[in-house]
Amino acid sequence: MQELEPQQLAKWLIGLGLGLVAVGILVFGLSKLGFFRLPGDLSFGGKNWRFFFPVTTCVLISLVMTFLFWLVRYFGRK
């Protein structure tokens, strides 16, 4: 396996950090629009606890990502 030089490692870490910031901003913006409260998302709670599992949101994100990866693969072959 090839070793990473410090400059290459720094570029990877910066790219990963920028990617995480972009995902965080996207999630924050989508939550303000009510994206994570779609019909089919499960929410349970009691007096002192709350459990939320976004089933519909996960399916929708999976479909969008599948389509995006398909597009990248389709146009990457040409």
PDB file of N, CA and C in Angstrom:
ATOM      1  N   MET A   1       0.836  -1.178   0.000  1.00  0.00           N
ATOM      2  CA  MET A   1       0.000   0.000   0.000  1.00  0.00           C
ATOM      3  C   MET A   1       0.878   1.238   0.000  1.00  0.00           C
ATOM      4  N   GLN A   2       0.471   2.236  -0.738  1.00  0.00           N
ATOM      5  CA  GLN A   2       1.265   3.451  -0.885  1.00  0.00           C
ATOM      6  C   GLN A   2       1.038   4.377   0.305  1.00  0.00           C
ATOM      7  N   GLU A   3       2.117   4.962   0.799  1.00  0.00           N
ATOM      8  CA  GLU A   3       2.009   5.887   1.926  1.00  0.00           C
ATOM      9  C   GLU A   3       1.587   7.265   1.445  1.00  0.00           C
ATOM     10  N   LEU A   4       0.811   7.946   2.280  1.00  0.00           N
ATOM     11  CA  LEU A   4       0.403   9.304   1.965  1.00  0.00           C
ATOM     12  C   LEU A   4       1.453  10.289   2.458  1.00  0.00           C
ATOM     13  N   GLU A   5       1.771  11.227   1.632  1.00  0.00           N
ATOM     14  CA  GLU A   5       2.665  12.296   2.062  1.00  0.00           C
ATOM     15  C   GLU A   5       1.850  13.273   2.897  1.00  0.00           C
ATOM     16  N   PRO A   6       2.496  14.063   3.748  1.00  0.00           N
ATOM     17  CA  PRO A   6       1.765  15.009   4.601  1.00  0.00           C
ATOM     18  C   PRO A   6       0.876  15.974   3.810  1.00  0.00           C
ATOM     19  N   GLN A   7       1.331  16.416   2.644  1.00  0.00           N
ATOM     20  CA  GLN A   7       0.515  17.335   1.847  1.00  0.00           C
ATOM     21  C   GLN A   7      -0.748  16.642   1.326  1.00  0.00           C
ATOM     22  N   GLN A   8      -0.613  15.391   0.898  1.00  0.00           N
ATOM     23  CA  GLN A   8      -1.773  14.646   0.411  1.00  0.00           C
ATOM     24  C   GLN A   8      -2.771  14.392   1.543  1.00  0.00           C
ATOM     25  N   LEU A   9      -2.245  14.034   2.705  1.00  0.00           N
ATOM     26  CA  LEU A   9      -3.101  13.810   3.860  1.00  0.00           C
ATOM     27  C   LEU A   9      -3.831  15.088   4.241  1.00  0.00           C
ATOM     28  N   ALA A  10      -3.139  16.208   4.209  1.00  0.00           N
ATOM     29  CA  ALA A  10      -3.766  17.490   4.537  1.00  0.00           C
ATOM     30  C   ALA A  10      -4.876  17.820   3.550  1.00  0.00           C
ATOM     31  N   LYS A  11      -4.661  17.570   2.273  1.00  0.00           N
ATOM     32  CA  LYS A  11      -5.696  17.834   1.273  1.00  0.00           C
ATOM     33  C   LYS A  11      -6.922  16.949   1.499  1.00  0.00           C
ATOM     34  N   TRP A  12      -6.702  15.684   1.820  1.00  0.00           N
ATOM     35  CA  TRP A  12      -7.811  14.782   2.103  1.00  0.00           C
ATOM     36  C   TRP A  12      -8.594  15.245   3.326  1.00  0.00           C
ATOM     37  N   LEU A  13      -7.891  15.648   4.376  1.00  0.00           N
ATOM     38  CA  LEU A  13      -8.562  16.093   5.595  1.00  0.00           C
ATOM     39  C   LEU A  13      -9.343  17.385   5.368  1.00  0.00           C
ATOM     40  N   ILE A  14      -8.790  18.303   4.597  1.00  0.00           N
ATOM     41  CA  ILE A  14      -9.501  19.549   4.278  1.00  0.00           C
ATOM     42  C   ILE A  14     -10.740  19.244   3.451  1.00  0.00           C
ATOM     43  N   GLY A  15     -10.604  18.374   2.454  1.00  0.00           N
ATOM     44  CA  GLY A  15     -11.756  17.988   1.634  1.00  0.00           C
ATOM     45  C   GLY A  15     -12.842  17.311   2.453  1.00  0.00           C
ATOM     46  N   LEU A  16     -12.430  16.423   3.359  1.00  0.00           N
ATOM     47  CA  LEU A  16     -13.387  15.748   4.225  1.00  0.00           C
ATOM     48  C   LEU A  16     -14.093  16.738   5.147  1.00  0.00           C
ATOM     49  N   GLY A  17     -13.344  17.681   5.686  1.00  0.00           N
ATOM     50  CA  GLY A  17     -13.928  18.704   6.553  1.00  0.00           C
ATOM     51  C   GLY A  17     -14.912  19.591   5.812  1.00  0.00           C
ATOM     52  N   LEU A  18     -14.546  20.014   4.609  1.00  0.00           N
ATOM     53  CA  LEU A  18     -15.459  20.836   3.802  1.00  0.00           C
ATOM     54  C   LEU A  18     -16.712  20.056   3.415  1.00  0.00           C
ATOM     55  N   GLY A  19     -16.539  18.776   3.131  1.00  0.00           N
ATOM     56  CA  GLY A  19     -17.686  17.930   2.819  1.00  0.00           C
ATOM     57  C   GLY A  19     -18.633  17.805   4.005  1.00  0.00           C
ATOM     58  N   LEU A  20     -18.078  17.634   5.201  1.00  0.00           N
ATOM     59  CA  LEU A  20     -18.905  17.545   6.406  1.00  0.00           C
ATOM     60  C   LEU A  20     -19.635  18.853   6.685  1.00  0.00           C
ATOM     61  N   VAL A  21     -18.956  19.970   6.464  1.00  0.00           N
ATOM     62  CA  VAL A  21     -19.607  21.275   6.641  1.00  0.00           C
ATOM     63  C   VAL A  21     -20.746  21.432   5.650  1.00  0.00           C
ATOM     64  N   ALA A  22     -20.530  21.029   4.406  1.00  0.00           N
ATOM     65  CA  ALA A  22     -21.579  21.135   3.388  1.00  0.00           C
ATOM     66  C   ALA A  22     -22.784  20.263   3.752  1.00  0.00           C
ATOM     67  N   VAL A  23     -22.536  19.053   4.225  1.00  0.00           N
ATOM     68  CA  VAL A  23     -23.633  18.172   4.634  1.00  0.00           C
ATOM     69  C   VAL A  23     -24.366  18.770   5.838  1.00  0.00           C
ATOM     70  N   GLY A  24     -23.635  19.329   6.777  1.00  0.00           N
ATOM     71  CA  GLY A  24     -24.254  19.963   7.937  1.00  0.00           C
ATOM     72  C   GLY A  24     -25.145  21.130   7.552  1.00  0.00           C
ATOM     73  N   ILE A  25     -24.676  21.968   6.649  1.00  0.00           N
ATOM     74  CA  ILE A  25     -25.476  23.105   6.186  1.00  0.00           C
ATOM     75  C   ILE A  25     -26.720  22.604   5.447  1.00  0.00           C
ATOM     76  N   LEU A  26     -26.557  21.569   4.634  1.00  0.00           N
ATOM     77  CA  LEU A  26     -27.683  21.001   3.908  1.00  0.00           C
ATOM     78  C   LEU A  26     -28.739  20.431   4.861  1.00  0.00           C
ATOM     79  N   VAL A  27     -28.304  19.674   5.852  1.00  0.00           N
ATOM     80  CA  VAL A  27     -29.239  19.103   6.829  1.00  0.00           C
ATOM     81  C   VAL A  27     -29.925  20.209   7.619  1.00  0.00           C
ATOM     82  N   PHE A  28     -29.187  21.227   8.021  1.00  0.00           N
ATOM     83  CA  PHE A  28     -29.769  22.349   8.760  1.00  0.00           C
ATOM     84  C   PHE A  28     -30.832  23.056   7.924  1.00  0.00           C
ATOM     85  N   GLY A  29     -30.515  23.318   6.667  1.00  0.00           N
ATOM     86  CA  GLY A  29     -31.463  23.995   5.788  1.00  0.00           C
ATOM     87  C   GLY A  29     -32.699  23.156   5.513  1.00  0.00           C
ATOM     88  N   LEU A  30     -32.504  21.868   5.271  1.00  0.00           N
ATOM     89  CA  LEU A  30     -33.639  20.995   5.002  1.00  0.00           C
ATOM     90  C   LEU A  30     -34.522  20.810   6.228  1.00  0.00           C
ATOM     91  N   SER A  31     -33.925  20.795   7.405  1.00  0.00           N
ATOM     92  CA  SER A  31     -34.739  20.654   8.620  1.00  0.00           C
ATOM     93  C   SER A  31     -35.579  21.900   8.865  1.00  0.00           C
ATOM     94  N   LYS A  32     -35.076  23.068   8.489  1.00  0.00           N
ATOM     95  CA  LYS A  32     -35.862  24.300   8.615  1.00  0.00           C
ATOM     96  C   LYS A  32     -37.062  24.292   7.673  1.00  0.00           C
ATOM     97  N   LEU A  33     -36.947  23.580   6.548  1.00  0.00           N
ATOM     98  CA  LEU A  33     -38.040  23.476   5.584  1.00  0.00           C
ATOM     99  C   LEU A  33     -39.024  22.360   5.935  1.00  0.00           C
ATOM    100  N   GLY A  34     -38.757  21.614   7.015  1.00  0.00           N
ATOM    101  CA  GLY A  34     -39.643  20.529   7.425  1.00  0.00           C
ATOM    102  C   GLY A  34     -39.369  19.221   6.715  1.00  0.00           C
ATOM    103  N   PHE A  35     -38.208  19.083   6.125  1.00  0.00           N
ATOM    104  CA  PHE A  35     -37.882  17.879   5.357  1.00  0.00           C
ATOM    105  C   PHE A  35     -37.827  16.637   6.227  1.00  0.00           C
ATOM    106  N   PHE A  36     -37.432  16.747   7.477  1.00  0.00           N
ATOM    107  CA  PHE A  36     -37.283  15.587   8.345  1.00  0.00           C
ATOM    108  C   PHE A  36     -38.548  15.310   9.146  1.00  0.00           C
ATOM    109  N   ARG A  37     -39.668  15.844   8.723  1.00  0.00           N
ATOM    110  CA  ARG A  37     -40.964  15.564   9.346  1.00  0.00           C
ATOM    111  C   ARG A  37     -41.963  15.119   8.281  1.00  0.00           C
ATOM    112  N   LEU A  38     -41.555  14.203   7.424  1.00  0.00           N
ATOM    113  CA  LEU A  38     -42.411  13.703   6.358  1.00  0.00           C
ATOM    114  C   LEU A  38     -43.372  12.647   6.910  1.00  0.00           C
ATOM    115  N   PRO A  39     -44.503  12.438   6.238  1.00  0.00           N
ATOM    116  CA  PRO A  39     -45.398  11.351   6.649  1.00  0.00           C
ATOM    117  C   PRO A  39     -44.670  10.014   6.537  1.00  0.00           C
ATOM    118  N   GLY A  40     -44.782   9.201   7.532  1.00  0.00           N
ATOM    119  CA  GLY A  40     -44.086   7.917   7.555  1.00  0.00           C
ATOM    120  C   GLY A  40     -42.863   7.930   8.450  1.00  0.00           C
ATOM    121  N   ASP A  41     -42.406   9.094   8.873  1.00  0.00           N
ATOM    122  CA  ASP A  41     -41.310   9.178   9.830  1.00  0.00           C
ATOM    123  C   ASP A  41     -41.855   8.830  11.207  1.00  0.00           C
ATOM    124  N   LEU A  42     -41.166   7.956  11.910  1.00  0.00           N
ATOM    125  CA  LEU A  42     -41.642   7.474  13.205  1.00  0.00           C
ATOM    126  C   LEU A  42     -41.164   8.383  14.331  1.00  0.00           C
ATOM    127  N   SER A  43     -42.080   8.660  15.254  1.00  0.00           N
ATOM    128  CA  SER A  43     -41.745   9.496  16.399  1.00  0.00           C
ATOM    129  C   SER A  43     -42.474   8.961  17.622  1.00  0.00           C
ATOM    130  N   PHE A  44     -41.704   8.584  18.628  1.00  0.00           N
ATOM    131  CA  PHE A  44     -42.260   8.093  19.879  1.00  0.00           C
ATOM    132  C   PHE A  44     -41.734   8.966  20.997  1.00  0.00           C
ATOM    133  N   GLY A  45     -42.472   9.065  22.060  1.00  0.00           N
ATOM    134  CA  GLY A  45     -41.973   9.843  23.179  1.00  0.00           C
ATOM    135  C   GLY A  45     -42.770   9.603  24.432  1.00  0.00           C
ATOM    136  N   GLY A  46     -42.116   9.872  25.510  1.00  0.00           N
ATOM    137  CA  GLY A  46     -42.740   9.811  26.809  1.00  0.00           C
ATOM    138  C   GLY A  46     -42.584  11.152  27.493  1.00  0.00           C
ATOM    139  N   LYS A  47     -42.675  11.131  28.801  1.00  0.00           N
ATOM    140  CA  LYS A  47     -42.562  12.370  29.561  1.00  0.00           C
ATOM    141  C   LYS A  47     -41.155  12.957  29.501  1.00  0.00           C
ATOM    142  N   ASN A  48     -40.147  12.092  29.586  1.00  0.00           N
ATOM    143  CA  ASN A  48     -38.762  12.572  29.652  1.00  0.00           C
ATOM    144  C   ASN A  48     -37.875  12.060  28.521  1.00  0.00           C
ATOM    145  N   TRP A  49     -38.455  11.477  27.490  1.00  0.00           N
ATOM    146  CA  TRP A  49     -37.631  10.947  26.414  1.00  0.00           C
ATOM    147  C   TRP A  49     -38.363  11.080  25.089  1.00  0.00           C
ATOM    148  N   ARG A  50     -37.589  10.990  24.016  1.00  0.00           N
ATOM    149  CA  ARG A  50     -38.150  11.082  22.665  1.00  0.00           C
ATOM    150  C   ARG A  50     -37.271  10.264  21.723  1.00  0.00           C
ATOM    151  N   PHE A  51     -37.914   9.492  20.844  1.00  0.00           N
ATOM    152  CA  PHE A  51     -37.224   8.702  19.833  1.00  0.00           C
ATOM    153  C   PHE A  51     -37.801   9.082  18.480  1.00  0.00           C
ATOM    154  N   PHE A  52     -36.935   9.402  17.544  1.00  0.00           N
ATOM    155  CA  PHE A  52     -37.364   9.800  16.206  1.00  0.00           C
ATOM    156  C   PHE A  52     -36.549   9.031  15.192  1.00  0.00           C
ATOM    157  N   PHE A  53     -37.234   8.338  14.281  1.00  0.00           N
ATOM    158  CA  PHE A  53     -36.552   7.623  13.206  1.00  0.00           C
ATOM    159  C   PHE A  53     -37.206   8.006  11.886  1.00  0.00           C
ATOM    160  N   PRO A  54     -36.479   8.725  11.024  1.00  0.00           N
ATOM    161  CA  PRO A  54     -37.048   9.227   9.763  1.00  0.00           C
ATOM    162  C   PRO A  54     -37.044   8.178   8.650  1.00  0.00           C
ATOM    163  N   VAL A  55     -37.993   7.254   8.683  1.00  0.00           N
ATOM    164  CA  VAL A  55     -38.047   6.173   7.700  1.00  0.00           C
ATOM    165  C   VAL A  55     -38.225   6.727   6.285  1.00  0.00           C
ATOM    166  N   THR A  56     -39.239   7.558   6.098  1.00  0.00           N
ATOM    167  CA  THR A  56     -39.521   8.107   4.774  1.00  0.00           C
ATOM    168  C   THR A  56     -38.366   8.968   4.276  1.00  0.00           C
ATOM    169  N   THR A  57     -37.792   9.749   5.158  1.00  0.00           N
ATOM    170  CA  THR A  57     -36.663  10.593   4.789  1.00  0.00           C
ATOM    171  C   THR A  57     -35.477   9.743   4.345  1.00  0.00           C
ATOM    172  N   CYS A  58     -35.216   8.638   5.051  1.00  0.00           N
ATOM    173  CA  CYS A  58     -34.109   7.748   4.673  1.00  0.00           C
ATOM    174  C   CYS A  58     -34.342   7.130   3.296  1.00  0.00           C
ATOM    175  N   VAL A  59     -35.577   6.714   3.020  1.00  0.00           N
ATOM    176  CA  VAL A  59     -35.888   6.126   1.713  1.00  0.00           C
ATOM    177  C   VAL A  59     -35.707   7.173   0.615  1.00  0.00           C
ATOM    178  N   LEU A  60     -36.177   8.384   0.861  1.00  0.00           N
ATOM    179  CA  LEU A  60     -36.050   9.454  -0.132  1.00  0.00           C
ATOM    180  C   LEU A  60     -34.584   9.804  -0.388  1.00  0.00           C
ATOM    181  N   ILE A  61     -33.789   9.916   0.649  1.00  0.00           N
ATOM    182  CA  ILE A  61     -32.358  10.198   0.497  1.00  0.00           C
ATOM    183  C   ILE A  61     -31.676   9.062  -0.263  1.00  0.00           C
ATOM    184  N   SER A  62     -32.050   7.815   0.032  1.00  0.00           N
ATOM    185  CA  SER A  62     -31.476   6.669  -0.667  1.00  0.00           C
ATOM    186  C   SER A  62     -31.789   6.704  -2.156  1.00  0.00           C
ATOM    187  N   LEU A  63     -33.023   7.040  -2.504  1.00  0.00           N
ATOM    188  CA  LEU A  63     -33.392   7.123  -3.917  1.00  0.00           C
ATOM    189  C   LEU A  63     -32.622   8.232  -4.638  1.00  0.00           C
ATOM    190  N   VAL A  64     -32.493   9.376  -4.006  1.00  0.00           N
ATOM    191  CA  VAL A  64     -31.771  10.498  -4.617  1.00  0.00           C
ATOM    192  C   VAL A  64     -30.296  10.146  -4.800  1.00  0.00           C
ATOM    193  N   MET A  65     -29.684   9.557  -3.772  1.00  0.00           N
ATOM    194  CA  MET A  65     -28.265   9.199  -3.881  1.00  0.00           C
ATOM    195  C   MET A  65     -28.040   8.111  -4.924  1.00  0.00           C
ATOM    196  N   THR A  66     -28.957   7.140  -5.010  1.00  0.00           N
ATOM    197  CA  THR A  66     -28.846   6.099  -6.028  1.00  0.00           C
ATOM    198  C   THR A  66     -28.885   6.704  -7.415  1.00  0.00           C
ATOM    199  N   PHE A  67     -29.803   7.644  -7.627  1.00  0.00           N
ATOM    200  CA  PHE A  67     -29.893   8.310  -8.924  1.00  0.00           C
ATOM    201  C   PHE A  67     -28.633   9.111  -9.234  1.00  0.00           C
ATOM    202  N   LEU A  68     -28.102   9.836  -8.239  1.00  0.00           N
ATOM    203  CA  LEU A  68     -26.888  10.625  -8.461  1.00  0.00           C
ATOM    204  C   LEU A  68     -25.697   9.733  -8.793  1.00  0.00           C
ATOM    205  N   PHE A  69     -25.538   8.625  -8.062  1.00  0.00           N
ATOM    206  CA  PHE A  69     -24.430   7.714  -8.344  1.00  0.00           C
ATOM    207  C   PHE A  69     -24.601   7.060  -9.711  1.00  0.00           C
ATOM    208  N   TRP A  70     -25.857   6.765 -10.094  1.00  0.00           N
ATOM    209  CA  TRP A  70     -26.104   6.213 -11.421  1.00  0.00           C
ATOM    210  C   TRP A  70     -25.685   7.210 -12.495  1.00  0.00           C
ATOM    211  N   LEU A  71     -26.037   8.495 -12.286  1.00  0.00           N
ATOM    212  CA  LEU A  71     -25.646   9.524 -13.258  1.00  0.00           C
ATOM    213  C   LEU A  71     -24.125   9.643 -13.373  1.00  0.00           C
ATOM    214  N   VAL A  72     -23.442   9.634 -12.240  1.00  0.00           N
ATOM    215  CA  VAL A  72     -21.974   9.730 -12.251  1.00  0.00           C
ATOM    216  C   VAL A  72     -21.381   8.541 -12.990  1.00  0.00           C
ATOM    217  N   ARG A  73     -21.907   7.353 -12.732  1.00  0.00           N
ATOM    218  CA  ARG A  73     -21.380   6.167 -13.398  1.00  0.00           C
ATOM    219  C   ARG A  73     -21.702   6.182 -14.895  1.00  0.00           C
ATOM    220  N   TYR A  74     -22.909   6.622 -15.246  1.00  0.00           N
ATOM    221  CA  TYR A  74     -23.329   6.662 -16.647  1.00  0.00           C
ATOM    222  C   TYR A  74     -22.473   7.625 -17.454  1.00  0.00           C
ATOM    223  N   PHE A  75     -22.287   8.843 -16.930  1.00  0.00           N
ATOM    224  CA  PHE A  75     -21.504   9.841 -17.657  1.00  0.00           C
ATOM    225  C   PHE A  75     -20.005   9.642 -17.483  1.00  0.00           C
ATOM    226  N   GLY A  76     -19.593   8.855 -16.503  1.00  0.00           N
ATOM    227  CA  GLY A  76     -18.184   8.559 -16.312  1.00  0.00           C
ATOM    228  C   GLY A  76     -17.635   7.568 -17.311  1.00  0.00           C
ATOM    229  N   ARG A  77     -18.499   6.769 -17.902  1.00  0.00           N
ATOM    230  CA  ARG A  77     -18.075   5.771 -18.884  1.00  0.00           C
ATOM    231  C   ARG A  77     -17.753   6.377 -20.224  1.00  0.00           C
ATOM    232  N   LYS A  78     -18.365   7.502 -20.526  1.00  0.00           N
ATOM    233  CA  LYS A  78     -18.210   8.097 -21.861  1.00  0.00           C
ATOM    234  C   LYS A  78     -16.979   8.937 -21.991  1.00  0.00           C
TER     235      LYS A  78
END
